Amino acid sequence: MDEDNRELASNRLAAETFMPMMVEAFHDGVREVASLSRWLLATLVVINGAAAVSLLPLEMGSGAKLGAAAAFLVGILASLGSGLWSLYAFKRVSIGAGTMLGYWMTVADDGPRLAALEAAMKRHMDQAIGSRATNVLVLASMAAFVVGCGFAAWGFVSSGAKA
């Protein structure tokens, strides 16, 4: 019986230690990620959109102009896709964090610790946080911008036009 009381006290201490740390880390992370995501999404959309609009008055072959405009459009769509995927990833992380918080509240209320459940929750959080789709879409947006600039430069140089 004394062993059970010590285990419950140890579990309660662990829960009381982990819960505030989790809540604080989650709030800090949410603020930072939200700020960074807004900045990155706005920047990528504006850069690709401005580049697409700036093509209109340039004198160059229609193929180069169309290729550049298409690349810039792909960049805009990829950046918007990264924003949407970030929202999806945040939803997964939020659900995982809520599950973990509920679990630790149960443990703090003298519930049992379940090593298998803790490992599963950690694995799910790692998968949600480690999603690579957002990074791929951001890189695709940046690559599309560079490709669009290449098309524009090629069209500008090959037409012999002057600014």
Protein backbone atom coordinates (compact mmCIF):
# COMPACT_ATOMS: atom_id res chain seq x y z
CA MET A 1 0.00 0.00 0.00
CA ASP A 2 2.84 2.36 0.86
CA GLU A 3 4.39 1.61 -2.54
CA ASP A 4 1.12 2.58 -4.26
CA ASN A 5 1.00 5.88 -2.37
CA ARG A 6 4.57 6.67 -3.37
CA GLU A 7 3.82 5.89 -7.02
CA LEU A 8 0.69 8.08 -6.97
CA ALA A 9 2.64 10.92 -5.36
CA SER A 10 5.40 10.52 -7.94
CA ASN A 11 2.87 10.54 -10.78
CA ARG A 12 1.11 13.60 -9.34
CA LEU A 13 4.44 15.41 -9.04
CA ALA A 14 5.32 14.54 -12.65
CA ALA A 15 1.93 15.77 -13.85
CA GLU A 16 2.11 18.97 -11.83
CA THR A 17 5.57 19.58 -13.26
CA PHE A 18 4.75 18.78 -16.90
CA MET A 19 1.39 20.54 -17.22
CA PRO A 20 2.55 24.14 -16.67
CA MET A 21 5.61 23.56 -18.85
CA MET A 22 3.47 22.11 -21.64
CA VAL A 23 0.93 24.93 -21.49
CA GLU A 24 3.60 27.63 -21.50
CA ALA A 25 5.61 25.99 -24.28
CA PHE A 26 2.46 25.48 -26.35
CA HIS A 27 1.37 29.11 -25.98
CA ASP A 28 4.85 30.43 -26.78
CA GLY A 29 5.12 28.13 -29.76
CA VAL A 30 1.70 29.09 -31.08
CA ARG A 31 2.49 32.81 -30.89
CA GLU A 32 5.85 32.41 -32.60
CA VAL A 33 4.63 30.07 -35.32
CA ALA A 34 1.59 32.22 -36.04
CA SER A 35 3.73 35.33 -36.38
CA LEU A 36 6.28 33.61 -38.59
CA SER A 37 3.61 31.96 -40.74
CA ARG A 38 1.81 35.26 -41.36
CA TRP A 39 5.05 36.98 -42.28
CA LEU A 40 6.23 34.18 -44.56
CA LEU A 41 2.88 33.72 -46.31
CA ALA A 42 2.43 37.45 -46.91
CA THR A 43 5.99 37.82 -48.17
CA LEU A 44 5.76 34.93 -50.61
CA VAL A 45 2.42 36.04 -52.00
CA VAL A 46 3.52 39.67 -52.35
CA ILE A 47 6.86 38.82 -53.97
CA ASN A 48 5.32 36.47 -56.54
CA GLY A 49 2.32 38.74 -57.12
CA ALA A 50 4.45 41.85 -57.61
CA ALA A 51 6.73 39.98 -59.96
CA ALA A 52 3.77 38.80 -62.04
CA VAL A 53 2.33 42.31 -62.27
CA SER A 54 5.71 43.83 -63.11
CA LEU A 55 5.88 41.68 -66.25
CA LEU A 56 2.96 43.43 -67.90
CA PRO A 57 4.77 46.52 -69.27
CA LEU A 58 7.96 44.69 -70.26
CA GLU A 59 8.65 44.17 -73.94
CA MET A 60 9.54 40.53 -74.49
CA GLY A 61 8.41 37.49 -76.34
CA SER A 62 4.97 36.24 -75.36
CA GLY A 63 6.35 32.76 -74.58
CA ALA A 64 8.83 34.11 -72.05
CA LYS A 65 6.22 36.43 -70.55
CA LEU A 66 3.69 33.59 -70.29
CA GLY A 67 6.30 31.24 -68.77
CA ALA A 68 7.32 33.84 -66.19
CA ALA A 69 3.72 34.66 -65.32
CA ALA A 70 2.89 30.96 -64.95
CA ALA A 71 5.90 30.42 -62.67
CA PHE A 72 4.90 33.38 -60.51
CA LEU A 73 1.32 32.05 -60.34
CA VAL A 74 2.65 28.66 -59.21
CA GLY A 75 4.65 30.54 -56.56
CA ILE A 76 1.52 32.28 -55.31
CA LEU A 77 -0.44 29.02 -55.21
CA ALA A 78 2.40 27.18 -53.43
CA SER A 79 2.66 29.91 -50.80
CA LEU A 80 -1.10 29.82 -50.20
CA GLY A 81 -0.87 26.03 -50.01
CA SER A 82 1.84 26.31 -47.37
CA GLY A 83 -0.45 28.57 -45.33
CA LEU A 84 -3.32 26.10 -45.57
CA TRP A 85 -1.09 23.16 -44.71
CA SER A 86 0.24 25.10 -41.71
CA LEU A 87 -3.33 25.47 -40.46
CA TYR A 88 -3.88 21.73 -40.85
CA ALA A 89 -0.62 20.94 -39.03
CA PHE A 90 -1.56 23.36 -36.24
CA LYS A 91 -4.90 21.59 -35.85
CA ARG A 92 -3.11 18.26 -35.46
CA VAL A 93 -0.70 19.71 -32.90
CA SER A 94 -3.56 21.35 -30.98
CA ILE A 95 -5.49 18.09 -30.79
CA GLY A 96 -2.37 16.27 -29.60
CA ALA A 97 -1.63 18.93 -27.00
CA GLY A 98 -5.21 18.77 -25.72
CA THR A 99 -4.99 15.00 -25.41
CA MET A 100 -1.69 15.24 -23.56
CA LEU A 101 -3.03 17.92 -21.22
CA GLY A 102 -6.10 15.83 -20.44
CA TYR A 103 -3.91 12.80 -19.75
CA TRP A 104 -1.65 14.70 -17.37
CA MET A 105 -4.67 16.19 -15.60
CA THR A 106 -5.93 12.64 -15.06
CA VAL A 107 -2.53 11.62 -13.72
CA ALA A 108 -2.49 14.65 -11.42
CA ASP A 109 -5.88 13.50 -10.11
CA ASP A 110 -4.30 10.16 -9.05
CA GLY A 111 -4.92 8.43 -12.37
CA PRO A 112 -2.43 5.83 -13.55
CA ARG A 113 0.50 6.60 -15.82
CA LEU A 114 0.44 4.55 -18.99
CA ALA A 115 3.83 4.26 -20.68
CA ALA A 116 2.33 2.99 -23.94
CA LEU A 117 -0.09 5.94 -24.12
CA GLU A 118 2.67 8.43 -23.33
CA ALA A 119 4.82 6.94 -26.11
CA ALA A 120 1.90 7.02 -28.58
CA MET A 121 1.12 10.67 -27.73
CA LYS A 122 4.77 11.64 -28.15
CA ARG A 123 4.92 9.84 -31.51
CA HIS A 124 1.76 11.59 -32.73
CA MET A 125 3.05 15.00 -31.63
CA ASP A 126 6.41 14.37 -33.32
CA GLN A 127 4.61 13.42 -36.55
CA ALA A 128 2.37 16.49 -36.42
CA ILE A 129 5.22 18.88 -35.64
CA GLY A 130 7.65 17.28 -38.08
CA SER A 131 5.42 17.65 -41.12
CA ARG A 132 7.54 18.49 -44.16
CA ALA A 133 4.72 19.58 -46.47
CA THR A 134 4.87 23.22 -45.38
CA ASN A 135 8.61 23.35 -45.98
CA VAL A 136 8.24 21.75 -49.41
CA LEU A 137 5.54 24.24 -50.43
CA VAL A 138 7.58 27.21 -49.19
CA LEU A 139 10.60 25.98 -51.15
CA ALA A 140 8.38 25.40 -54.20
CA SER A 141 7.14 28.99 -53.96
CA MET A 142 10.68 30.33 -53.74
CA ALA A 143 11.83 28.09 -56.61
CA ALA A 144 8.90 29.25 -58.74
CA PHE A 145 9.93 32.85 -58.11
CA VAL A 146 13.49 32.11 -59.24
CA VAL A 147 12.22 30.26 -62.34
CA GLY A 148 9.87 33.14 -63.13
CA CYS A 149 12.76 35.61 -62.81
CA GLY A 150 14.79 33.40 -65.14
CA PHE A 151 12.02 33.39 -67.75
CA ALA A 152 11.65 37.16 -67.45
CA ALA A 153 15.40 37.73 -67.77
CA TRP A 154 15.63 35.39 -70.75
CA GLY A 155 12.67 37.09 -72.44
CA PHE A 156 14.02 40.55 -71.70
CA VAL A 157 17.54 39.76 -72.96
CA SER A 158 16.45 37.77 -76.02
CA SER A 159 14.10 40.54 -77.21
CA GLY A 160 16.86 43.13 -77.05
CA ALA A 161 14.56 45.50 -75.20
CA LYS A 162 15.86 48.26 -72.97
CA ALA A 163 14.26 49.27 -69.68
